[in-house]
Each structure stands twice: as C-alpha cells, then as structure tokens.
Amino acid sequence: MKLATFLAGMVASSTLVAIVASSAGLPLSAIIGLVVLTLVVAQLLYLGLILLLTRAERQRREAEQPSETQSSTDLAIAGNRGEARRG
C-alpha cells in the first residue's frame, strides 16, 4: 500500500466523519474530537497492516532459504576439528 493512497483514505474518512457529525447537529468540539479519533484509528490500522505484511514476508523468506544457523553450526564444528588436529 502506498503512503499517498493511505493519506487520501485518511482525508476521505475524516471528511466523511465530519460531514456526518455536522449533519447530526453535534457541536464543533465533538466534530473535531471524532475527526481526531478517526485519524488515530486509521494510523493504528495502518500500523497493524504493516506488521502483518512484515510477518508474512519474513515467513516467506524463511520458507525459501535454508536456515543460516545450521550452516554456521557446521562451520563452527569444522573449525573446531581443524584446531584439534593441529594441537
């Protein structure tokens, strides 16, 4: 998701909330509060989306590549054997 798309969605949803709250006859302070609440909720939803996408990408990469810990363990064992022969 592009940032510009997200910002356009935030502006559109905030405008819609302001219009609905205004048509409901709410005072200006309540309208501003609802708009701010809408912006905060949108930010939290976007953060959650980013976290889910990051987790899915990490799982996809782990499934594609073999574990690096196994290869580093193999190297460490081979290195220890070489040192034992020299000593």
Foldseek 3Di string as FASTA:
>chain_A
DDPVVLVVVLVVVLVVLLVVCVVVPHDPVVNVVVSVVSNVVSVVVVVVVVVVVVVVVVVVVPVVDDDPVVVVVVVVVVVVVVVVVVD
